Amino acid sequence: MLEMIHKPQPKTWGIPVRSMSVSTSQDLLADDAQKRIALSYLSEAWAEARLDGIDGDCLAQASLFTAFAELVATYGEEAVAKFVEGLSARVKNGEFSVMAAKQ
């Protein structure tokens, strides 16, 4: 999990919640709501790019670059490097696989 080097923060989705004080359950709910909204924005942007003919692989690589750049800017290179060490196992465990609905 990605953690701050000096001060661990509460985590959701494997990423620490940014806060200056002790997080309450209300703070975590607000963070979860923000993540759902952010995912909605990204899904819409992704769909528009695909309609404009942008290849999914190109979108994925650009998205990963942007995401990692933001994480490095927020948490630093060492913390992000530690976080990505665990991604291989998570991919193999199917955390990022989207199963098609069977009819």
C-alpha atoms as a PDB file:
ATOM      1  CA  MET A   1       0.000   0.000   0.000  1.00  0.00           C
ATOM      2  CA  LEU A   2       1.119   3.546  -0.692  1.00  0.00           C
ATOM      3  CA  GLU A   3       1.994   5.255   2.560  1.00  0.00           C
ATOM      4  CA  MET A   4       3.496   8.533   3.557  1.00  0.00           C
ATOM      5  CA  ILE A   5       7.100   7.981   4.607  1.00  0.00           C
ATOM      6  CA  HIS A   6       6.948   9.921   7.886  1.00  0.00           C
ATOM      7  CA  LYS A   7       3.275   9.920   8.818  1.00  0.00           C
ATOM      8  CA  PRO A   8       0.969   7.024   7.852  1.00  0.00           C
ATOM      9  CA  GLN A   9      -2.502   8.123   6.817  1.00  0.00           C
ATOM     10  CA  PRO A  10      -5.798   6.192   6.773  1.00  0.00           C
ATOM     11  CA  LYS A  11      -6.149   4.307   3.492  1.00  0.00           C
ATOM     12  CA  THR A  12      -8.916   3.531   1.014  1.00  0.00           C
ATOM     13  CA  TRP A  13      -8.401   1.852  -2.372  1.00  0.00           C
ATOM     14  CA  GLY A  14      -4.789   1.290  -1.323  1.00  0.00           C
ATOM     15  CA  ILE A  15      -4.067   5.035  -1.381  1.00  0.00           C
ATOM     16  CA  PRO A  16      -3.883   7.106   1.836  1.00  0.00           C
ATOM     17  CA  VAL A  17      -6.555   9.696   2.483  1.00  0.00           C
ATOM     18  CA  ARG A  18      -5.078  13.210   2.560  1.00  0.00           C
ATOM     19  CA  SER A  19      -5.934  15.015   5.761  1.00  0.00           C
ATOM     20  CA  MET A  20      -4.221  17.223   8.284  1.00  0.00           C
ATOM     21  CA  SER A  21      -6.165  15.869  11.267  1.00  0.00           C
ATOM     22  CA  VAL A  22      -7.415  12.490  12.415  1.00  0.00           C
ATOM     23  CA  SER A  23      -9.913  11.207   9.836  1.00  0.00           C
ATOM     24  CA  THR A  24     -13.424  10.446  10.933  1.00  0.00           C
ATOM     25  CA  SER A  25     -15.797   8.013   9.264  1.00  0.00           C
ATOM     26  CA  GLN A  26     -17.494  11.074   7.719  1.00  0.00           C
ATOM     27  CA  ASP A  27     -14.152  12.133   6.166  1.00  0.00           C
ATOM     28  CA  LEU A  28     -13.706   8.638   4.724  1.00  0.00           C
ATOM     29  CA  LEU A  29     -17.219   8.716   3.260  1.00  0.00           C
ATOM     30  CA  ALA A  30     -16.510  12.076   1.691  1.00  0.00           C
ATOM     31  CA  ASP A  31     -13.274  10.662   0.249  1.00  0.00           C
ATOM     32  CA  ASP A  32     -15.115   7.604  -1.095  1.00  0.00           C
ATOM     33  CA  ALA A  33     -17.726   9.870  -2.720  1.00  0.00           C
ATOM     34  CA  GLN A  34     -14.968  11.961  -4.311  1.00  0.00           C
ATOM     35  CA  LYS A  35     -13.375   8.810  -5.719  1.00  0.00           C
ATOM     36  CA  ARG A  36     -16.702   7.692  -7.238  1.00  0.00           C
ATOM     37  CA  ILE A  37     -17.165  11.138  -8.803  1.00  0.00           C
ATOM     38  CA  ALA A  38     -13.574  11.149 -10.077  1.00  0.00           C
ATOM     39  CA  LEU A  39     -14.088   7.704 -11.619  1.00  0.00           C
ATOM     40  CA  SER A  40     -17.223   8.996 -13.317  1.00  0.00           C
ATOM     41  CA  TYR A  41     -15.309  11.939 -14.818  1.00  0.00           C
ATOM     42  CA  LEU A  42     -12.523   9.664 -16.011  1.00  0.00           C
ATOM     43  CA  SER A  43     -14.977   7.167 -17.513  1.00  0.00           C
ATOM     44  CA  GLU A  44     -16.689   9.956 -19.453  1.00  0.00           C
ATOM     45  CA  ALA A  45     -13.372  11.351 -20.708  1.00  0.00           C
ATOM     46  CA  TRP A  46     -12.251   7.854 -21.687  1.00  0.00           C
ATOM     47  CA  ALA A  47     -15.490   7.222 -23.614  1.00  0.00           C
ATOM     48  CA  GLU A  48     -15.174  10.560 -25.451  1.00  0.00           C
ATOM     49  CA  ALA A  49     -11.559   9.840 -26.391  1.00  0.00           C
ATOM     50  CA  ARG A  50     -12.534   6.409 -27.721  1.00  0.00           C
ATOM     51  CA  LEU A  51     -15.302   8.006 -29.801  1.00  0.00           C
ATOM     52  CA  ASP A  52     -12.663  10.371 -31.199  1.00  0.00           C
ATOM     53  CA  GLY A  53     -10.622   7.354 -32.287  1.00  0.00           C
ATOM     54  CA  ILE A  54      -7.975   7.280 -29.555  1.00  0.00           C
ATOM     55  CA  ASP A  55      -6.671   3.737 -29.025  1.00  0.00           C
ATOM     56  CA  GLY A  56      -7.423   2.167 -25.630  1.00  0.00           C
ATOM     57  CA  ASP A  57      -3.777   1.180 -25.125  1.00  0.00           C
ATOM     58  CA  CYS A  58      -2.684   4.788 -25.712  1.00  0.00           C
ATOM     59  CA  LEU A  59      -5.296   5.999 -23.233  1.00  0.00           C
ATOM     60  CA  ALA A  60      -4.201   3.439 -20.652  1.00  0.00           C
ATOM     61  CA  GLN A  61      -0.526   4.396 -20.943  1.00  0.00           C
ATOM     62  CA  ALA A  62      -1.286   8.123 -20.774  1.00  0.00           C
ATOM     63  CA  SER A  63      -3.583   7.556 -17.791  1.00  0.00           C
ATOM     64  CA  LEU A  64      -0.968   5.521 -15.936  1.00  0.00           C
ATOM     65  CA  PHE A  65       1.714   8.135 -16.606  1.00  0.00           C
ATOM     66  CA  THR A  66      -0.564  10.914 -15.353  1.00  0.00           C
ATOM     67  CA  ALA A  67      -1.619   8.926 -12.288  1.00  0.00           C
ATOM     68  CA  PHE A  68       1.928   7.988 -11.301  1.00  0.00           C
ATOM     69  CA  ALA A  69       3.158  11.544 -11.875  1.00  0.00           C
ATOM     70  CA  GLU A  70       0.441  12.825  -9.523  1.00  0.00           C
ATOM     71  CA  LEU A  71       1.224  10.186  -6.904  1.00  0.00           C
ATOM     72  CA  VAL A  72       4.955  10.995  -7.047  1.00  0.00           C
ATOM     73  CA  ALA A  73       4.198  14.713  -6.721  1.00  0.00           C
ATOM     74  CA  THR A  74       1.972  13.979  -3.705  1.00  0.00           C
ATOM     75  CA  TYR A  75       3.842  11.210  -1.857  1.00  0.00           C
ATOM     76  CA  GLY A  76       7.363  11.143  -3.315  1.00  0.00           C
ATOM     77  CA  GLU A  77       9.267   8.637  -5.401  1.00  0.00           C
ATOM     78  CA  GLU A  78      10.152   6.201  -2.595  1.00  0.00           C
ATOM     79  CA  ALA A  79       6.563   5.805  -1.371  1.00  0.00           C
ATOM     80  CA  VAL A  80       5.239   5.310  -4.910  1.00  0.00           C
ATOM     81  CA  ALA A  81       8.008   2.819  -5.722  1.00  0.00           C
ATOM     82  CA  LYS A  82       6.991   0.828  -2.640  1.00  0.00           C
ATOM     83  CA  PHE A  83       3.337   0.967  -3.715  1.00  0.00           C
ATOM     84  CA  VAL A  84       4.020  -0.323  -7.251  1.00  0.00           C
ATOM     85  CA  GLU A  85       6.009  -3.285  -5.908  1.00  0.00           C
ATOM     86  CA  GLY A  86       2.683  -4.819  -4.852  1.00  0.00           C
ATOM     87  CA  LEU A  87       0.872  -4.197  -8.133  1.00  0.00           C
ATOM     88  CA  SER A  88       2.070  -7.408  -9.804  1.00  0.00           C
ATOM     89  CA  ALA A  89       0.403  -9.592  -7.175  1.00  0.00           C
ATOM     90  CA  ARG A  90      -2.774  -7.495  -7.293  1.00  0.00           C
ATOM     91  CA  VAL A  91      -2.977  -7.837 -11.091  1.00  0.00           C
ATOM     92  CA  LYS A  92      -2.437 -11.605 -10.821  1.00  0.00           C
ATOM     93  CA  ASN A  93      -5.167 -11.792  -8.151  1.00  0.00           C
ATOM     94  CA  GLY A  94      -7.633 -10.234 -10.595  1.00  0.00           C
ATOM     95  CA  GLU A  95      -8.168  -6.934  -8.774  1.00  0.00           C
ATOM     96  CA  PHE A  96      -8.075  -5.054 -12.082  1.00  0.00           C
ATOM     97  CA  SER A  97      -9.973  -7.574 -14.209  1.00  0.00           C
ATOM     98  CA  VAL A  98     -13.436  -6.657 -15.314  1.00  0.00           C
ATOM     99  CA  MET A  99     -15.567  -9.725 -15.818  1.00  0.00           C
ATOM    100  CA  ALA A 100     -18.165  -9.511 -18.576  1.00  0.00           C
ATOM    101  CA  ALA A 101     -21.688 -10.138 -17.343  1.00  0.00           C
ATOM    102  CA  LYS A 102     -22.936 -13.563 -18.419  1.00  0.00           C
ATOM    103  CA  GLN A 103     -26.499 -13.698 -19.723  1.00  0.00           C
END
